[in-house]
Protein backbone atom coordinates (compact mmCIF):
# COMPACT_ATOMS: atom_id res chain seq x y z
CA UNK A 1 -18.04 -211.85 31.45
CA UNK A 2 -16.71 -208.61 30.01
CA UNK A 3 -17.47 -207.44 26.47
CA UNK A 4 -14.71 -205.37 24.79
CA UNK A 5 -16.10 -202.36 22.94
CA UNK A 6 -12.77 -200.65 22.15
CA UNK A 7 -9.21 -202.01 22.18
CA UNK A 8 -7.28 -198.70 22.22
CA UNK A 9 -7.91 -197.32 24.73
CA UNK A 10 -9.35 -200.41 26.40
CA UNK A 11 -13.08 -200.03 26.97
CA UNK A 12 -15.37 -202.83 28.07
CA UNK A 13 -18.70 -203.50 29.68
CA UNK A 14 -19.29 -206.14 32.33
CA UNK A 15 -17.01 -207.72 34.91
CA UNK A 16 -13.29 -208.05 34.20
CA UNK A 17 -11.29 -209.41 37.13
CA UNK A 18 -12.20 -207.36 40.17
CA UNK A 19 -13.60 -204.38 38.25
CA UNK A 20 -16.78 -203.65 36.26
CA UNK A 21 -16.88 -201.55 33.11
CA UNK A 22 -19.97 -199.59 32.04
CA UNK A 23 -21.09 -196.64 29.92
CA UNK A 24 -22.68 -193.59 31.53
CA UNK A 25 -23.90 -190.70 29.38
CA UNK A 26 -21.62 -191.86 26.58
CA UNK A 27 -18.52 -192.00 28.83
CA UNK A 28 -16.76 -195.25 29.66
CA UNK A 29 -16.35 -195.76 33.41
CA UNK A 30 -14.86 -198.43 35.66
CA UNK A 31 -15.77 -199.28 39.24
CA UNK A 32 -14.68 -201.97 41.66
CA UNK A 33 -16.81 -205.10 41.47
CA UNK A 34 -18.92 -205.78 44.57
CA UNK A 35 -17.70 -208.55 46.83
CA UNK A 36 -19.69 -211.78 46.91
CA UNK A 37 -22.30 -211.70 49.63
CA UNK A 38 -21.44 -213.90 52.61
CA UNK A 39 -24.61 -213.51 54.69
CA UNK A 40 -28.13 -214.75 53.91
CA UNK A 41 -30.78 -212.27 52.71
CA UNK A 42 -33.04 -210.82 55.39
CA UNK A 43 -36.75 -211.60 55.54
CA UNK A 44 -37.51 -208.16 54.05
CA UNK A 45 -35.07 -208.76 51.19
CA UNK A 46 -36.67 -212.13 50.49
CA UNK A 47 -40.09 -210.47 50.26
CA UNK A 48 -38.72 -207.85 47.85
CA UNK A 49 -37.18 -210.55 45.67
CA UNK A 50 -40.45 -212.47 45.60
CA UNK A 51 -42.36 -209.32 44.61
CA UNK A 52 -39.96 -208.67 41.73
CA UNK A 53 -40.22 -212.26 40.60
CA UNK A 54 -44.02 -212.20 40.62
CA UNK A 55 -44.44 -208.85 38.92
CA UNK A 56 -41.87 -209.66 36.23
CA UNK A 57 -43.67 -212.93 35.49
CA UNK A 58 -46.98 -211.07 35.27
CA UNK A 59 -45.99 -208.03 33.23
CA UNK A 60 -43.10 -209.06 30.96
CA UNK A 61 -45.32 -210.99 28.50
CA UNK A 62 -47.50 -207.91 27.86
CA UNK A 63 -44.77 -205.30 27.46
CA UNK A 64 -46.24 -204.06 24.10
CA UNK A 65 -49.63 -203.51 25.73
CA UNK A 66 -48.09 -201.68 28.70
CA UNK A 67 -45.90 -199.51 26.46
CA UNK A 68 -49.08 -198.33 24.76
CA UNK A 69 -51.16 -198.21 27.92
CA UNK A 70 -48.71 -196.07 29.89
CA UNK A 71 -46.69 -194.49 27.11
CA UNK A 72 -48.72 -191.34 26.50
CA UNK A 73 -48.65 -189.64 29.89
CA UNK A 74 -44.98 -189.74 30.82
CA UNK A 75 -41.51 -189.40 29.33
CA UNK A 76 -40.67 -192.61 31.14
CA UNK A 77 -41.03 -195.75 28.94
CA UNK A 78 -44.53 -197.18 29.24
CA UNK A 79 -43.41 -200.55 30.59
CA UNK A 80 -41.23 -198.93 33.27
CA UNK A 81 -44.12 -196.69 34.34
CA UNK A 82 -46.48 -199.68 34.47
CA UNK A 83 -43.97 -201.70 36.50
CA UNK A 84 -43.61 -198.88 39.03
CA UNK A 85 -47.36 -198.24 39.36
CA UNK A 86 -48.26 -201.89 39.78
CA UNK A 87 -45.38 -202.68 42.13
CA UNK A 88 -46.77 -200.13 44.60
CA UNK A 89 -50.34 -201.39 44.63
CA UNK A 90 -50.91 -205.02 43.62
CA UNK A 91 -49.26 -207.01 46.42
CA UNK A 92 -50.78 -208.56 49.49
CA UNK A 93 -48.60 -210.04 52.22
CA UNK A 94 -50.31 -212.97 53.94
CA UNK A 95 -49.26 -215.77 56.26
CA UNK A 96 -48.69 -217.85 53.11
CA UNK A 97 -46.36 -215.27 51.58
CA UNK A 98 -46.73 -212.58 48.92
CA UNK A 99 -49.76 -212.70 46.61
CA UNK A 100 -51.04 -210.55 43.75
CA UNK A 101 -54.36 -208.75 44.14
CA UNK A 102 -55.54 -208.99 40.52
CA UNK A 103 -58.31 -206.46 41.07
CA UNK A 104 -55.61 -203.80 41.55
CA UNK A 105 -53.57 -204.66 38.44
CA UNK A 106 -53.51 -201.65 36.11
CA UNK A 107 -52.76 -202.05 32.40
CA UNK A 108 -53.23 -198.48 31.21
CA UNK A 109 -53.59 -194.92 32.45
CA UNK A 110 -54.98 -191.90 30.63
CA UNK A 111 -57.63 -189.19 30.42
CA UNK A 112 -60.34 -191.02 28.49
CA UNK A 113 -63.33 -191.77 30.70
CA UNK A 114 -63.93 -195.26 32.00
CA UNK A 115 -67.36 -196.87 31.61
CA UNK A 116 -69.72 -196.90 34.57
CA UNK A 117 -69.54 -200.68 34.95
CA UNK A 118 -67.77 -203.69 33.42
CA UNK A 119 -68.56 -207.41 33.48
CA UNK A 120 -67.62 -210.56 31.59
CA UNK A 121 -69.10 -214.03 31.15
CA UNK A 122 -68.57 -217.23 29.17
CA UNK A 123 -71.78 -218.60 27.65
CA UNK A 124 -70.21 -220.27 24.60
CA UNK A 125 -67.33 -222.73 24.44
CA UNK A 126 -63.95 -220.93 24.33
CA UNK A 127 -65.62 -217.51 24.15
CA UNK A 128 -65.65 -214.57 26.56
CA UNK A 129 -68.29 -211.86 26.33
CA UNK A 130 -67.40 -208.44 27.74
CA UNK A 131 -70.13 -206.01 28.74
CA UNK A 132 -69.82 -202.37 29.79
CA UNK A 133 -72.20 -199.54 30.58
CA UNK A 134 -71.60 -196.02 29.27
CA UNK A 135 -72.92 -192.82 30.72
CA UNK A 136 -76.06 -191.97 28.77
CA UNK A 137 -75.99 -188.92 26.53
CA UNK A 138 -72.34 -188.19 27.26
CA UNK A 139 -70.24 -187.05 24.30
CA UNK A 140 -67.22 -184.86 24.87
CA UNK A 141 -63.45 -184.83 24.43
CA UNK A 142 -62.84 -187.59 27.02
CA UNK A 143 -65.64 -189.87 25.84
CA UNK A 144 -66.49 -190.61 22.20
CA UNK A 145 -68.81 -193.34 20.96
CA UNK A 146 -66.09 -194.32 18.48
CA UNK A 147 -63.42 -194.98 21.14
CA UNK A 148 -62.03 -198.48 20.60
CA UNK A 149 -62.14 -201.08 23.36
CA UNK A 150 -59.12 -203.23 24.21
CA UNK A 151 -59.28 -206.32 26.39
CA UNK A 152 -56.74 -208.43 28.27
CA UNK A 153 -57.28 -211.89 29.75
CA UNK A 154 -54.86 -213.54 32.19
CA UNK A 155 -54.81 -217.23 33.08
CA UNK A 156 -53.09 -217.54 36.44
CA UNK A 157 -52.73 -221.32 36.12
CA UNK A 158 -50.77 -220.99 32.86
CA UNK A 159 -49.12 -217.66 33.65
CA UNK A 160 -50.20 -216.46 30.19
CA UNK A 161 -52.08 -213.52 28.67
CA UNK A 162 -54.33 -212.96 25.69
CA UNK A 163 -54.90 -209.33 24.72
CA UNK A 164 -56.65 -207.65 21.79
CA UNK A 165 -56.97 -204.08 20.56
CA UNK A 166 -59.89 -202.62 18.60
CA UNK A 167 -62.35 -205.35 19.56
CA UNK A 168 -65.39 -203.02 19.50
CA UNK A 169 -66.45 -199.38 19.64
CA UNK A 170 -67.41 -197.90 22.98
CA UNK A 171 -71.02 -197.37 21.85
CA UNK A 172 -71.53 -201.12 21.27
CA UNK A 173 -71.22 -201.88 25.00
CA UNK A 174 -70.21 -205.48 24.33
CA UNK A 175 -67.68 -207.63 22.48
CA UNK A 176 -66.85 -211.32 22.08
CA UNK A 177 -63.28 -212.64 22.29
CA UNK A 178 -62.01 -216.12 21.35
CA UNK A 179 -60.02 -217.60 24.26
CA UNK A 180 -59.74 -221.24 23.17
CA UNK A 181 -56.29 -221.48 24.79
CA UNK A 182 -57.94 -220.96 28.18
CA UNK A 183 -60.90 -223.33 27.80
CA UNK A 184 -62.04 -224.83 31.13
CA UNK A 185 -59.79 -222.41 33.04
CA UNK A 186 -60.47 -219.48 35.35
CA UNK A 187 -59.16 -216.16 34.07
CA UNK A 188 -58.88 -212.53 35.17
CA UNK A 189 -60.27 -210.01 32.67
CA UNK A 190 -59.54 -206.34 31.99
CA UNK A 191 -60.85 -203.71 29.58
CA UNK A 192 -59.97 -200.16 28.54
CA UNK A 193 -60.47 -197.71 25.68
CA UNK A 194 -58.14 -196.05 23.18
CA UNK A 195 -58.44 -193.37 20.53
CA UNK A 196 -56.25 -191.98 17.76
CA UNK A 197 -53.21 -189.91 18.77
CA UNK A 198 -52.54 -192.13 21.76
CA UNK A 199 -55.46 -191.18 23.98
CA UNK A 200 -56.32 -193.97 26.39
CA UNK A 201 -58.36 -194.67 29.51
CA UNK A 202 -57.38 -196.34 32.75
CA UNK A 203 -58.04 -200.07 32.52
CA UNK A 204 -60.85 -201.67 34.51
CA UNK A 205 -60.91 -205.08 36.15
CA UNK A 206 -63.87 -207.20 35.05
CA UNK A 207 -63.46 -209.97 37.61
CA UNK A 208 -62.70 -213.71 37.54
CA UNK A 209 -64.48 -215.82 34.94
CA UNK A 210 -64.52 -219.55 34.27
CA UNK A 211 -64.17 -220.13 30.52
CA UNK A 212 -66.46 -222.80 29.11
């Protein structure tokens, strides 16, 4: 359906009859509408469609996180950068179809240092404990004890995320997050660090955890 944006001269966006109107660099343009496709998509096209479906389902709910996580190192919008980076690296093609390799999912990218190791566990009902190990005695521009940790938890069964900023300082090497919505479910966990002025680290995958 076309949307009229000016009557005189006629300007519109969208399909109108056999033409499509659109704006490009502030100029109204018209092109011929593509003909309906008569042949079935190829196997390669079906794989591409499935990849787009899966990655959109995964990333769309955390657009604010990705805008922050990828928004400091590129003029490209953070979400678009995150979509591009993850599309290239997270898929596995198996005999059962396309699957996501959650260990390769990346939620942020920046110059702050990552911890040496990350882990997570659930020892209390509806709680997740994150642990990380810092390099001892290290204190420089890319690693401050006061850097703030952020965490993200994904429940594949529900297709839902929980994410939190400023859950602990880097020096604490642990934090506890309430995940009551994912009780008795297996989740994928991620952690990263942020600082004022938009500095951020690359996110780290903490593994799969069964929430109590």
